Amino acid sequence: MAASHVDVMLLMSKIAIGAPQTGGEFMFGIFNQGDTELYTATNDKTGLITFHAVRFTSPGVYHYTVKEISAPAGWDIDTTEWPVEINVTLGADNKLHAIVTYPNGTPVFIDTHQCAACGLVEFPELTFTVPGVYEYTLREKTPSGGGWTTDDSIIKVIVNVVDDGHGNLIATICYPDGFPTFTNIYEVNPACIIISACKTAIGAPLPAGRFEFGLFDEDGELISSVTNGPADETSLTSPDGDDDE
């Protein structure tokens, strides 16, 4: 008697750019050729998407589409639609077997987080041909200077590459120390200026410290107060030494 069914589990990945994934915030669906939603799944915090097993009870070639259904506010949703072909055959062992093919490549959904305060740092994609755990470190190379103090953090990055059982490698990413965030501080040396004015007196000698003056900012707030200095009395005499009449 032939096997009554064969179950096929589909794995794929979600890449989040600019912010961490917390798990469960992105939703994906498997649709048939009539665009009817058959199955849904969400991401885990590393970006792995695991659909419940799709069950087949008879041989045939089945065509589906996988696409992203929803994403949280602030994320640009990936509108790519990935075709999936599943070929179910009856083997010599009288059992059903399934071969999964992705005509356009293994589905990978990439969403970018929009944040005005974040200067996005995005490296070129890495390609893996062998399953395994790959460890990296991320650090800023720019030296301090020009008023900037460089963030000297060293952040670990772990990429886990697994075989989905259908001849496709699935890569997910983990940041053990938290999502990479580099903060640089800009400081400048102060600049100094002296504001001055001239005080003159008519009809009497100018006494030092007799008059007070204030420096106000654009909102009218008093910044500082000073009084006048003494006048140069020699400027009140004529060139021949006689007092001016």
Protein backbone atom coordinates (compact mmCIF):
# COMPACT_ATOMS: atom_id res chain seq x y z
CA MET A 1 0.00 0.00 0.00
CA ALA A 2 1.29 3.45 -0.89
CA ALA A 3 2.10 5.96 1.83
CA SER A 4 -0.99 8.05 2.54
CA HIS A 5 0.85 11.35 2.68
CA VAL A 6 4.13 13.24 2.75
CA ASP A 7 4.72 16.38 4.83
CA VAL A 8 6.88 19.22 3.58
CA MET A 9 8.18 21.90 5.93
CA LEU A 10 9.39 25.16 4.37
CA LEU A 11 12.10 27.27 5.96
CA MET A 12 13.17 30.73 4.84
CA SER A 13 14.70 33.84 6.35
CA LYS A 14 13.89 37.41 7.24
CA ILE A 15 16.60 40.09 7.22
CA ALA A 16 15.98 43.25 9.22
CA ILE A 17 18.11 46.28 8.32
CA GLY A 18 18.51 49.21 10.70
CA ALA A 19 16.81 47.71 13.78
CA PRO A 20 16.58 44.37 15.62
CA GLN A 21 13.96 41.68 15.17
CA THR A 22 12.13 40.77 18.35
CA GLY A 23 10.28 37.75 16.93
CA GLY A 24 6.73 37.46 15.68
CA GLU A 25 6.38 41.00 14.33
CA PHE A 26 6.51 40.08 10.62
CA MET A 27 3.95 37.77 9.01
CA PHE A 28 4.32 35.70 5.85
CA GLY A 29 1.96 33.54 3.85
CA ILE A 30 1.88 30.65 1.40
CA PHE A 31 -0.65 31.21 -1.39
CA ASN A 32 -1.94 28.88 -4.10
CA GLN A 33 -2.23 29.80 -7.76
CA GLY A 34 -5.61 31.36 -7.09
CA ASP A 35 -3.94 33.68 -4.54
CA THR A 36 -5.77 32.04 -1.68
CA GLU A 37 -3.87 32.14 1.60
CA LEU A 38 -3.15 28.61 2.79
CA TYR A 39 -0.62 28.90 5.60
CA THR A 40 0.98 31.69 7.61
CA ALA A 41 4.12 31.99 9.72
CA THR A 42 6.11 34.63 11.57
CA ASN A 43 9.79 35.23 12.16
CA ASP A 44 11.77 34.37 15.26
CA LYS A 45 14.24 36.87 16.72
CA THR A 46 17.05 35.61 14.46
CA GLY A 47 14.92 35.95 11.33
CA LEU A 48 14.09 32.28 10.79
CA ILE A 49 10.65 31.69 9.25
CA THR A 50 9.23 28.19 9.81
CA PHE A 51 5.94 27.21 8.20
CA HIS A 52 3.82 24.38 9.51
CA ALA A 53 4.20 21.25 7.40
CA VAL A 54 2.30 21.21 4.13
CA ARG A 55 0.69 17.80 3.63
CA PHE A 56 0.36 16.07 0.26
CA THR A 57 -1.66 12.89 -0.27
CA SER A 58 -1.20 12.29 -4.00
CA PRO A 59 1.53 12.69 -6.63
CA GLY A 60 1.63 15.86 -8.69
CA VAL A 61 3.40 19.18 -9.25
CA TYR A 62 2.13 21.88 -6.93
CA HIS A 63 2.78 25.59 -7.43
CA TYR A 64 2.66 28.18 -4.67
CA THR A 65 3.77 31.73 -3.92
CA VAL A 66 5.31 32.94 -0.66
CA LYS A 67 5.07 36.60 0.27
CA GLU A 68 5.20 38.96 3.22
CA ILE A 69 1.77 39.88 4.58
CA SER A 70 2.44 42.49 7.24
CA ALA A 71 5.15 44.43 9.08
CA PRO A 72 5.10 46.85 12.04
CA ALA A 73 4.88 50.60 11.57
CA GLY A 74 8.21 52.13 10.60
CA TRP A 75 9.29 49.19 8.42
CA ASP A 76 9.36 49.10 4.63
CA ILE A 77 7.62 45.83 3.76
CA ASP A 78 9.28 43.53 1.22
CA THR A 79 6.86 43.14 -1.68
CA THR A 80 8.80 40.33 -3.39
CA GLU A 81 6.69 37.28 -4.31
CA TRP A 82 8.70 34.06 -4.30
CA PRO A 83 7.46 31.11 -6.39
CA VAL A 84 7.62 27.61 -4.89
CA GLU A 85 7.29 24.37 -6.81
CA ILE A 86 6.76 21.09 -4.98
CA ASN A 87 7.00 17.90 -7.01
CA VAL A 88 5.40 14.92 -5.24
CA THR A 89 6.17 11.50 -6.70
CA LEU A 90 5.54 7.88 -5.81
CA GLY A 91 8.88 6.19 -5.27
CA ALA A 92 10.04 2.64 -5.84
CA ASP A 93 9.49 2.08 -2.13
CA ASN A 94 5.79 2.76 -2.74
CA LYS A 95 6.01 5.92 -0.66
CA LEU A 96 5.35 9.55 -1.55
CA HIS A 97 8.41 11.80 -1.84
CA ALA A 98 8.57 15.55 -2.31
CA ILE A 99 11.17 17.74 -3.98
CA VAL A 100 11.02 21.48 -3.25
CA THR A 101 12.29 23.90 -5.88
CA TYR A 102 12.53 27.69 -5.69
CA PRO A 103 12.71 28.94 -9.32
CA ASN A 104 13.90 32.40 -8.25
CA GLY A 105 16.13 31.25 -5.41
CA THR A 106 15.49 30.52 -1.75
CA PRO A 107 13.04 33.12 -0.37
CA VAL A 108 14.67 35.88 1.66
CA PHE A 109 12.62 38.83 2.85
CA ILE A 110 14.44 42.10 3.54
CA ASP A 111 12.80 44.97 5.44
CA THR A 112 14.45 48.28 6.29
CA HIS A 113 13.54 50.25 9.39
CA GLN A 114 12.98 53.96 8.84
CA CYS A 115 14.55 56.11 11.57
CA ALA A 116 15.56 59.73 11.07
CA ALA A 117 17.99 59.55 14.00
CA CYS A 118 19.87 56.55 12.64
CA GLY A 119 22.65 56.76 10.08
CA LEU A 120 22.29 53.36 8.41
CA VAL A 121 25.42 51.20 8.19
CA GLU A 122 24.91 48.37 5.69
CA PHE A 123 27.62 45.93 4.56
CA PRO A 124 27.55 44.02 1.25
CA GLU A 125 25.79 40.66 1.48
CA LEU A 126 27.73 37.56 2.47
CA THR A 127 27.33 34.23 0.65
CA PHE A 128 27.61 30.88 2.45
CA THR A 129 28.01 27.51 0.74
CA VAL A 130 28.46 25.27 3.80
CA PRO A 131 26.19 24.93 6.87
CA GLY A 132 27.72 26.05 10.13
CA VAL A 133 28.00 28.79 12.74
CA TYR A 134 30.06 31.79 11.64
CA GLU A 135 31.26 34.37 14.16
CA TYR A 136 32.25 37.95 13.36
CA THR A 137 33.00 41.17 15.19
CA LEU A 138 31.83 44.63 14.21
CA ARG A 139 33.71 47.78 15.15
CA GLU A 140 34.21 51.34 13.97
CA LYS A 141 37.47 52.00 12.12
CA THR A 142 37.36 55.81 12.06
CA PRO A 143 39.96 57.31 14.45
CA SER A 144 38.97 59.97 16.92
CA GLY A 145 39.76 63.53 15.88
CA GLY A 146 38.35 66.70 14.43
CA GLY A 147 36.11 67.12 17.45
CA TRP A 148 34.75 63.56 17.25
CA THR A 149 35.32 60.78 19.80
CA THR A 150 34.89 57.40 18.12
CA ASP A 151 32.82 54.67 19.75
CA ASP A 152 35.29 51.87 20.53
CA SER A 153 32.63 49.16 21.06
CA ILE A 154 33.34 45.68 19.67
CA ILE A 155 30.05 43.95 18.85
CA LYS A 156 29.69 40.22 18.22
CA VAL A 157 27.74 38.94 15.22
CA ILE A 158 26.80 35.27 14.78
CA VAL A 159 25.45 33.87 11.52
CA ASN A 160 23.82 30.43 11.64
CA VAL A 161 23.55 28.58 8.33
CA VAL A 162 21.37 25.46 8.16
CA ASP A 163 20.16 23.08 5.46
CA ASP A 164 16.37 23.14 5.08
CA GLY A 165 16.31 19.48 4.07
CA HIS A 166 15.54 20.31 0.45
CA GLY A 167 19.02 21.30 -0.67
CA ASN A 168 18.72 24.97 0.28
CA LEU A 169 20.83 26.83 2.83
CA ILE A 170 19.07 29.24 5.18
CA ALA A 171 21.10 31.95 6.96
CA THR A 172 19.96 33.77 10.09
CA ILE A 173 21.73 36.33 12.24
CA CYS A 174 22.12 36.89 15.97
CA TYR A 175 23.62 39.79 17.93
CA PRO A 176 24.47 38.36 21.39
CA ASP A 177 25.29 41.78 22.85
CA GLY A 178 22.28 43.54 21.33
CA PHE A 179 21.68 45.19 17.99
CA PRO A 180 24.81 47.10 16.85
CA THR A 181 24.59 50.78 17.72
CA PHE A 182 27.58 53.10 17.59
CA THR A 183 27.41 56.51 19.26
CA ASN A 184 30.04 59.12 18.49
CA ILE A 185 30.37 62.31 20.54
CA TYR A 186 31.24 65.65 18.98
CA GLU A 187 32.87 68.27 21.20
CA VAL A 188 34.48 71.58 20.25
CA ASN A 189 36.96 73.89 21.95
CA PRO A 190 35.31 77.12 23.16
CA ALA A 191 35.68 80.43 21.30
CA CYS A 192 36.01 83.70 23.22
CA ILE A 193 34.97 87.22 22.27
CA ILE A 194 34.95 90.56 24.14
CA ILE A 195 32.16 93.06 23.47
CA SER A 196 33.05 96.68 24.24
CA ALA A 197 31.55 100.16 23.97
CA CYS A 198 32.59 103.76 24.62
CA LYS A 199 31.07 105.99 27.33
CA THR A 200 31.48 109.76 27.07
CA ALA A 201 30.32 112.53 29.41
CA ILE A 202 29.38 116.12 28.49
CA GLY A 203 29.43 118.95 31.02
CA ALA A 204 31.37 117.13 33.72
CA PRO A 205 34.31 114.79 34.17
CA LEU A 206 33.47 111.10 33.69
CA PRO A 207 33.66 109.28 37.01
CA ALA A 208 34.86 105.67 36.84
CA GLY A 209 32.27 103.06 37.79
CA ARG A 210 29.44 105.59 37.80
CA PHE A 211 27.36 104.08 34.99
CA GLU A 212 26.21 100.50 34.61
CA PHE A 213 25.64 98.57 31.38
CA GLY A 214 24.07 95.20 30.64
CA LEU A 215 24.55 92.53 27.95
CA PHE A 216 21.29 90.81 27.01
CA ASP A 217 20.60 87.75 24.86
CA GLU A 218 18.02 87.53 22.06
CA ASP A 219 15.29 86.73 24.59
CA GLY A 220 16.08 89.83 26.64
CA GLU A 221 17.74 87.88 29.45
CA LEU A 222 20.63 89.62 31.24
CA ILE A 223 23.93 87.85 30.59
CA SER A 224 26.32 90.14 32.49
CA SER A 225 26.66 93.67 33.91
CA VAL A 226 29.68 96.02 33.93
CA THR A 227 30.43 99.64 34.75
CA ASN A 228 32.49 102.16 32.84
CA GLY A 229 36.18 102.71 33.32
CA PRO A 230 37.88 106.11 33.83
CA ALA A 231 38.22 108.56 30.97
CA ASP A 232 41.65 109.57 29.69
CA GLU A 233 41.89 113.11 31.11
CA THR A 234 44.77 114.05 28.77
CA SER A 235 42.29 114.00 25.90
CA LEU A 236 40.59 117.05 27.51
CA THR A 237 43.69 119.32 27.28
CA SER A 238 44.89 121.37 24.32
CA PRO A 239 48.18 120.60 22.54
CA ASP A 240 49.96 123.54 24.36
CA GLY A 241 49.01 122.15 27.74
CA ASP A 242 46.26 124.67 28.48
CA ASP A 243 42.80 123.50 29.37
CA ASP A 244 40.22 123.95 26.66
CA GLU A 245 37.85 126.85 27.28
